[in-house]
Amino acid sequence: MECKRMLEASVKRQRRCANYKPNIWQYDFIMSLESQYDGEEYKRCYKKLREEVKRMFVEEKEQVCKLKLVDKIKKLGLTYLFEEEIEETMCSIANSRSSITCADHVYATPLCFRLLREHGYQVSQDILGSCIEEKGGTYSVDTDVEGLIELLEASHLCFEGENMAAKIKEYSTKKLKHYLSNCSLDAAMANQVARVLELSSHQRVPWFNVKWNIHIYEQRKDMNLHLFRLAKLNFNIVQLHLQKDLKDISRWWKNLNLSHHLSFTRDRLVECFMCSLGLVFQPRQSSFRKWLTKLIIFVLIIDDVYDIYGSQEELKQFTTAIDRWDLKIIQDLPECMKICFQVLYDTVHETAYEINEQNGWDQVLTHLKKGWADFCKSLFVEAKWDNEGYPPSLQEYLKNAWISSSGALIAIYSFLATTSHDHPTEEMVQFLGTNYHDLVYNQSLIIRLCNDLGTSTAEKERGDAPSSILCYQREENVGEEEAEEHIKEIIRKSWKKLNGECFAIRSSSPFLKSFVDLTVNAARVAHCLYQYEDGFGVQDRHIRCNILSLLVEPFKLD
């Protein structure tokens, strides 16, 4: 007994501390959030504006105008209100797009390319080539800044091996940087150029981008007042539903009181909720949003258990308990680790029951248990490397890290929550059985590498296991800047592969569209979360502003 106490005391002295700052989002503040936009007056206005916009689909006759309408609706966050109209429009354009040529529509050609690919319609990269063909000593797109922006946006929809798209991306980037540096743009256009050069719309979370897009649309001369008013009112109504969900999940979190027992971990409920709404913001997806939030909370907690708290022996026992899903195995662990496993155990069982009730899937618990086991096993591999001072190669690191990114775990939840068991195809069953679909792999790789780029410095300072950046530095004997550029190139290649997988699934299995959208959004959330630094660790200004904008501050309506 004395030896055991001495060992426990020794482990306690060795435990690391990440020095995470306290949570800045207080319970009382969250519960005080309220909105007036569920009143009958707003509901009547909302219905009327929807009818006005729906009429625009009928009234618009030209293909270019229809393309622009679809694009505006998508950017303004209204897609889920007009899914049938958009699909009919894109089907019509796909069948007769030959009338759109770059000579007449420099802006419309790349827009057509982008929208068709996003909806799973076959379209060759070659149609973009005409936009940079030299004609009379100049290029047709040279003086059209909006066309250049759309050309750059379209290039981010390219697939692996599409060299024309890569050439177009390089060309449009160079031209836009030239316009920006020469100060030849007005403030609104300069803002748009700077934003697309920083990160393409394709890699941004659509809902996180909506408020910015509404502000930009307001400044346009061709702004349609019905569409503009609907976009603002819709944002406020969605925000109302999100506030209700956040209050529900906050009550659950407060009742758990888990942050009191796990003082070493990050208390980041609101950031986790923000990530979940980055995947799915639609009001009708309230249950799924809450499941996702709980999932992301436990991903953070368990990541900190492995990175910061547990000794190797404790983590081995904890991993075995997760793998066997057995509460008896954790009896000798520290109290906080026992509480962590017990609450995870209970929460996963509750979620499995709710998913089964909603979508009729059999064996939901089996799939969720396997996802958590795979995730914890991968975290244990990283902790073991760190504890033994083993330096993995980059390839070895990535083989494990795509699973520890939690991308595959998120994909399992997303798949079960958005697909019905009414007609399970062989493809669906196979996915649940293996988890090794290329779509999920590339999404997970993007999540992991964005995470590494955003957290590497802080993790190195506190002595965490090496990231992809450190692995490459050591392997190739290069500096940090060169290593970061190499990781960014892997991310770029992963996006091309992800684009190809998304296109193949959308075109062959339309019923999996929701799952594909969620998978891509998870990769986009990673870009947002780690764009400037560690959005979970430090609650930086960028993430705070995003949360305030999305969850607290509505549009002022006339």
Foldseek 3Di string as FASTA:
>chain_A
DVVVVVVVVVQVVVFFFLPFDADPDDLVNLVPFAAPCVDPVNVVLLVVLLVVLLVVLVVDDDLLVNLVSLVLCLLLVNCVSCVPSNVVSLVVCLVPVPVDACLVPLQSQLSNLQVCLLLLRDDDPVRLVQQQDDDPNHGSCLVPLNSLLSLLLSLLLAFPPRVSSVVSNVVSLVSLVVCLVVVVDPPLSNVSSVVCNLPHPLLALSVLSNVVSLVSLVPDPPRDPSSSQSSQSVLSVLLNLLSVLLSVLSVVCVVLVLCVLQVRFFDFLLLLLVLLVSLPSDSVCSLLSSLSSVVVVLLRSLLCCLFGRDDLVLLVQLLVCLLVVPLVSNPPPPPSSSSSSVVVSVSLVVSQVVLCVPAVDPPLSVLLSVLVSLLSVLSSVLSVCLVVVNQDALVVNLVSQLSVLCLLNSLSSLLSNQAHPPDDDPVSVVCSVPSPDLLSSLLSLLLQLLQCLFEVVSCVVSRGGHGSQVNHCVVVVDDSVVSNVVSVVSNSNSSSNNSVVLSVCSNPPVSCNSSSSSSSSSSSSSCQCRVPHHCRRHVDPSNVVSSCVSNRDRDDDD
